[in-house]
C-alpha atoms as a PDB file:
ATOM      1  CA  MET A   1      21.307  54.456 -46.746  1.00  0.00           C
ATOM      2  CA  GLU A   2      17.993  53.150 -45.513  1.00  0.00           C
ATOM      3  CA  GLN A   3      17.453  53.303 -41.714  1.00  0.00           C
ATOM      4  CA  LYS A   4      16.923  49.756 -40.324  1.00  0.00           C
ATOM      5  CA  ASP A   5      15.784  50.368 -36.922  1.00  0.00           C
ATOM      6  CA  LEU A   6      12.938  52.749 -35.907  1.00  0.00           C
ATOM      7  CA  THR A   7      12.918  55.047 -32.759  1.00  0.00           C
ATOM      8  CA  VAL A   8      10.065  54.981 -30.464  1.00  0.00           C
ATOM      9  CA  GLY A   9       8.958  58.276 -31.419  1.00  0.00           C
ATOM     10  CA  ARG A  10       8.901  57.493 -35.298  1.00  0.00           C
ATOM     11  CA  VAL A  11       6.767  54.103 -34.436  1.00  0.00           C
ATOM     12  CA  ALA A  12       4.362  56.024 -32.423  1.00  0.00           C
ATOM     13  CA  LYS A  13       3.880  58.871 -35.063  1.00  0.00           C
ATOM     14  CA  ARG A  14       3.643  56.343 -37.805  1.00  0.00           C
ATOM     15  CA  CYS A  15       1.214  54.107 -36.061  1.00  0.00           C
ATOM     16  CA  GLY A  16      -0.892  56.840 -34.698  1.00  0.00           C
ATOM     17  CA  VAL A  17      -0.469  55.960 -31.019  1.00  0.00           C
ATOM     18  CA  LYS A  18       1.327  57.505 -27.944  1.00  0.00           C
ATOM     19  CA  VAL A  19       4.786  56.532 -27.047  1.00  0.00           C
ATOM     20  CA  SER A  20       3.444  55.367 -23.729  1.00  0.00           C
ATOM     21  CA  THR A  21       1.007  52.905 -25.698  1.00  0.00           C
ATOM     22  CA  LEU A  22       4.196  51.406 -27.268  1.00  0.00           C
ATOM     23  CA  HIS A  23       5.867  51.083 -23.961  1.00  0.00           C
ATOM     24  CA  PHE A  24       2.566  49.584 -22.534  1.00  0.00           C
ATOM     25  CA  TYR A  25       2.534  46.851 -25.431  1.00  0.00           C
ATOM     26  CA  GLU A  26       6.030  46.020 -24.967  1.00  0.00           C
ATOM     27  CA  GLU A  27       5.541  45.592 -21.284  1.00  0.00           C
ATOM     28  CA  LYS A  28       2.532  43.218 -22.223  1.00  0.00           C
ATOM     29  CA  GLY A  29       4.650  41.166 -24.515  1.00  0.00           C
ATOM     30  CA  LEU A  30       2.742  42.367 -27.700  1.00  0.00           C
ATOM     31  CA  ILE A  31       5.913  43.885 -29.263  1.00  0.00           C
ATOM     32  CA  HIS A  32       9.498  43.894 -28.927  1.00  0.00           C
ATOM     33  CA  SER A  33      12.465  46.172 -29.060  1.00  0.00           C
ATOM     34  CA  SER A  34      16.284  46.265 -28.838  1.00  0.00           C
ATOM     35  CA  ARG A  35      18.329  48.918 -27.244  1.00  0.00           C
ATOM     36  CA  ASN A  36      20.997  50.957 -28.840  1.00  0.00           C
ATOM     37  CA  GLN A  37      24.477  51.920 -27.313  1.00  0.00           C
ATOM     38  CA  GLY A  38      22.592  54.897 -25.708  1.00  0.00           C
ATOM     39  CA  ASN A  39      20.002  52.615 -24.280  1.00  0.00           C
ATOM     40  CA  GLN A  40      17.338  53.961 -26.315  1.00  0.00           C
ATOM     41  CA  ARG A  41      14.596  51.603 -27.709  1.00  0.00           C
ATOM     42  CA  ARG A  42      14.852  50.679 -31.494  1.00  0.00           C
ATOM     43  CA  TYR A  43      12.159  48.669 -33.313  1.00  0.00           C
ATOM     44  CA  LYS A  44      12.544  46.534 -36.437  1.00  0.00           C
ATOM     45  CA  LYS A  45      10.005  47.771 -39.189  1.00  0.00           C
ATOM     46  CA  ASP A  46       7.776  44.584 -38.695  1.00  0.00           C
ATOM     47  CA  VAL A  47       6.521  46.340 -35.464  1.00  0.00           C
ATOM     48  CA  LEU A  48       4.435  48.769 -37.685  1.00  0.00           C
ATOM     49  CA  ARG A  49       2.410  45.867 -38.924  1.00  0.00           C
ATOM     50  CA  ARG A  50       2.284  44.327 -35.405  1.00  0.00           C
ATOM     51  CA  VAL A  51       0.956  47.573 -33.872  1.00  0.00           C
ATOM     52  CA  SER A  52      -1.561  47.895 -36.825  1.00  0.00           C
ATOM     53  CA  LEU A  53      -2.719  44.454 -36.244  1.00  0.00           C
ATOM     54  CA  ILE A  54      -3.108  45.173 -32.451  1.00  0.00           C
ATOM     55  CA  LYS A  55      -5.273  48.395 -33.198  1.00  0.00           C
ATOM     56  CA  ALA A  56      -7.297  46.576 -35.679  1.00  0.00           C
ATOM     57  CA  ALA A  57      -7.982  43.740 -33.319  1.00  0.00           C
ATOM     58  CA  GLN A  58      -8.871  46.136 -30.534  1.00  0.00           C
ATOM     59  CA  LYS A  59     -11.327  48.058 -32.653  1.00  0.00           C
ATOM     60  CA  MET A  60     -13.138  44.757 -33.124  1.00  0.00           C
ATOM     61  CA  GLY A  61     -13.248  44.271 -29.393  1.00  0.00           C
ATOM     62  CA  VAL A  62     -10.615  41.750 -29.111  1.00  0.00           C
ATOM     63  CA  SER A  63      -8.947  41.990 -25.647  1.00  0.00           C
ATOM     64  CA  LEU A  64      -5.235  42.295 -25.489  1.00  0.00           C
ATOM     65  CA  GLU A  65      -4.831  38.900 -23.681  1.00  0.00           C
ATOM     66  CA  GLU A  66      -6.695  37.445 -26.872  1.00  0.00           C
ATOM     67  CA  ILE A  67      -4.302  39.511 -29.033  1.00  0.00           C
ATOM     68  CA  LYS A  68      -1.242  38.287 -27.233  1.00  0.00           C
ATOM     69  CA  SER A  69      -2.190  34.554 -27.409  1.00  0.00           C
ATOM     70  CA  ALA A  70      -2.944  35.135 -31.192  1.00  0.00           C
ATOM     71  CA  LEU A  71       0.492  36.705 -31.847  1.00  0.00           C
ATOM     72  CA  ALA A  72       2.171  33.996 -29.772  1.00  0.00           C
ATOM     73  CA  THR A  73       1.323  31.623 -32.515  1.00  0.00           C
ATOM     74  CA  LEU A  74       3.557  33.299 -34.887  1.00  0.00           C
ATOM     75  CA  PRO A  75       7.114  32.767 -34.961  1.00  0.00           C
ATOM     76  CA  GLU A  76       9.095  35.118 -32.529  1.00  0.00           C
ATOM     77  CA  ASN A  77       9.014  38.810 -34.083  1.00  0.00           C
ATOM     78  CA  ARG A  78       7.867  37.685 -37.483  1.00  0.00           C
ATOM     79  CA  THR A  79       5.791  40.330 -39.399  1.00  0.00           C
ATOM     80  CA  PRO A  80       2.306  39.051 -39.702  1.00  0.00           C
ATOM     81  CA  THR A  81       1.478  38.211 -43.373  1.00  0.00           C
ATOM     82  CA  ASN A  82      -1.894  38.612 -45.054  1.00  0.00           C
ATOM     83  CA  GLU A  83      -2.409  34.914 -44.215  1.00  0.00           C
ATOM     84  CA  ASP A  84      -1.536  35.226 -40.694  1.00  0.00           C
ATOM     85  CA  TRP A  85      -4.156  38.030 -40.361  1.00  0.00           C
ATOM     86  CA  ALA A  86      -6.756  35.857 -42.173  1.00  0.00           C
ATOM     87  CA  LEU A  87      -6.235  33.163 -39.813  1.00  0.00           C
ATOM     88  CA  LEU A  88      -6.308  35.389 -36.606  1.00  0.00           C
ATOM     89  CA  ALA A  89      -9.277  37.280 -37.807  1.00  0.00           C
ATOM     90  CA  SER A  90     -11.338  34.121 -38.458  1.00  0.00           C
ATOM     91  CA  HIS A  91     -10.810  33.054 -34.764  1.00  0.00           C
ATOM     92  CA  TRP A  92     -12.138  36.432 -33.681  1.00  0.00           C
ATOM     93  CA  GLN A  93     -15.031  36.320 -36.090  1.00  0.00           C
ATOM     94  CA  GLN A  94     -17.488  34.506 -33.892  1.00  0.00           C
ATOM     95  CA  GLY A  95     -17.064  36.892 -31.016  1.00  0.00           C
ATOM     96  CA  LEU A  96     -17.392  39.902 -33.274  1.00  0.00           C
ATOM     97  CA  ASN A  97     -20.537  38.491 -34.721  1.00  0.00           C
ATOM     98  CA  GLU A  98     -21.897  38.084 -31.024  1.00  0.00           C
ATOM     99  CA  ARG A  99     -21.061  41.665 -29.979  1.00  0.00           C
ATOM    100  CA  ILE A 100     -22.728  42.725 -33.363  1.00  0.00           C
ATOM    101  CA  GLN A 101     -25.817  40.939 -32.382  1.00  0.00           C
ATOM    102  CA  TYR A 102     -25.622  42.288 -28.823  1.00  0.00           C
ATOM    103  CA  LEU A 103     -25.200  45.981 -29.933  1.00  0.00           C
ATOM    104  CA  GLU A 104     -28.273  45.286 -32.441  1.00  0.00           C
ATOM    105  CA  ASN A 105     -30.344  44.167 -29.603  1.00  0.00           C
ATOM    106  CA  LEU A 106     -29.190  47.196 -27.484  1.00  0.00           C
ATOM    107  CA  ARG A 107     -29.976  49.552 -30.314  1.00  0.00           C
ATOM    108  CA  ASP A 108     -33.583  48.192 -30.909  1.00  0.00           C
ATOM    109  CA  LEU A 109     -34.344  48.019 -27.225  1.00  0.00           C
ATOM    110  CA  LEU A 110     -32.648  51.330 -25.957  1.00  0.00           C
ATOM    111  CA  THR A 111     -35.887  53.273 -26.147  1.00  0.00           C
ATOM    112  CA  GLY A 112     -37.920  50.492 -24.090  1.00  0.00           C
ATOM    113  CA  CYS A 113     -36.873  48.356 -21.223  1.00  0.00           C
ATOM    114  CA  ILE A 114     -33.322  46.955 -21.591  1.00  0.00           C
ATOM    115  CA  GLY A 115     -33.830  44.515 -18.566  1.00  0.00           C
ATOM    116  CA  CYS A 116     -32.735  46.235 -15.693  1.00  0.00           C
ATOM    117  CA  GLY A 117     -35.359  49.123 -15.485  1.00  0.00           C
ATOM    118  CA  CYS A 118     -33.023  51.857 -14.614  1.00  0.00           C
ATOM    119  CA  LEU A 119     -33.265  53.411 -18.279  1.00  0.00           C
ATOM    120  CA  SER A 120     -37.081  52.730 -18.660  1.00  0.00           C
ATOM    121  CA  MET A 121     -38.984  53.802 -15.626  1.00  0.00           C
ATOM    122  CA  GLY A 122     -41.997  54.281 -17.601  1.00  0.00           C
ATOM    123  CA  ASN A 123     -42.017  50.580 -18.813  1.00  0.00           C
ATOM    124  CA  CYS A 124     -40.648  49.032 -15.685  1.00  0.00           C
ATOM    125  CA  PRO A 125     -43.972  48.097 -14.242  1.00  0.00           C
ATOM    126  CA  ILE A 126     -45.077  46.277 -17.424  1.00  0.00           C
ATOM    127  CA  TYR A 127     -41.759  44.317 -17.800  1.00  0.00           C
ATOM    128  CA  ASN A 128     -40.476  44.051 -14.320  1.00  0.00           C
ATOM    129  CA  GLU A 129     -43.152  44.335 -11.637  1.00  0.00           C
ATOM    130  CA  ASN A 130     -41.840  44.037  -8.189  1.00  0.00           C
ATOM    131  CA  ASP A 131     -38.338  43.490  -9.553  1.00  0.00           C
ATOM    132  CA  LYS A 132     -39.089  39.879 -10.577  1.00  0.00           C
ATOM    133  CA  LEU A 133     -36.196  39.925 -13.008  1.00  0.00           C
ATOM    134  CA  SER A 134     -33.697  40.084 -10.129  1.00  0.00           C
ATOM    135  CA  GLU A 135     -34.365  36.309  -9.812  1.00  0.00           C
ATOM    136  CA  GLN A 136     -32.884  35.687 -13.188  1.00  0.00           C
ATOM    137  CA  GLY A 137     -29.506  37.383 -12.427  1.00  0.00           C
ATOM    138  CA  PRO A 138     -27.799  40.826 -12.277  1.00  0.00           C
ATOM    139  CA  GLY A 139     -27.734  43.196 -15.194  1.00  0.00           C
ATOM    140  CA  PRO A 140     -29.873  43.619 -18.348  1.00  0.00           C
ATOM    141  CA  VAL A 141     -31.271  40.198 -18.242  1.00  0.00           C
ATOM    142  CA  LEU A 142     -33.808  40.926 -20.927  1.00  0.00           C
ATOM    143  CA  LEU A 143     -31.041  42.091 -23.247  1.00  0.00           C
ATOM    144  CA  ASP A 144     -28.912  39.284 -22.691  1.00  0.00           C
ATOM    145  CA  LYS A 145     -31.453  36.543 -23.826  1.00  0.00           C
ATOM    146  CA  LYS A 146     -30.770  35.501 -27.256  1.00  0.00           C
END
């Protein structure tokens, strides 16, 4: 007979996360469990896909709040389908493209000035004499220009 509910340890092992991660996701409302008669957590199999979706989204740089909002658009506890994933991913694509562009700029400027001066002392007098860039705001202001 096939086991219907999964233990927290089984889900953690199958998903490649720590048990504490599953507890954290549950606390944040990203996944749900039930309790057996011994008060132990039990998960439906759909949690495997939900955790995989969470991990994939996090690798793209999507925040847990954004993930939670996206998962809230699905009917309660439903397994995300391929179509669900395509829709969710399309919403995150613009942010991912912006992060890629930012990282490419960082890569290309890393050996020169990145705007704040602290990593390019040899170039600072050329790009940021008397710290004029501080007038444009905090952080790597040259890098943040598009």
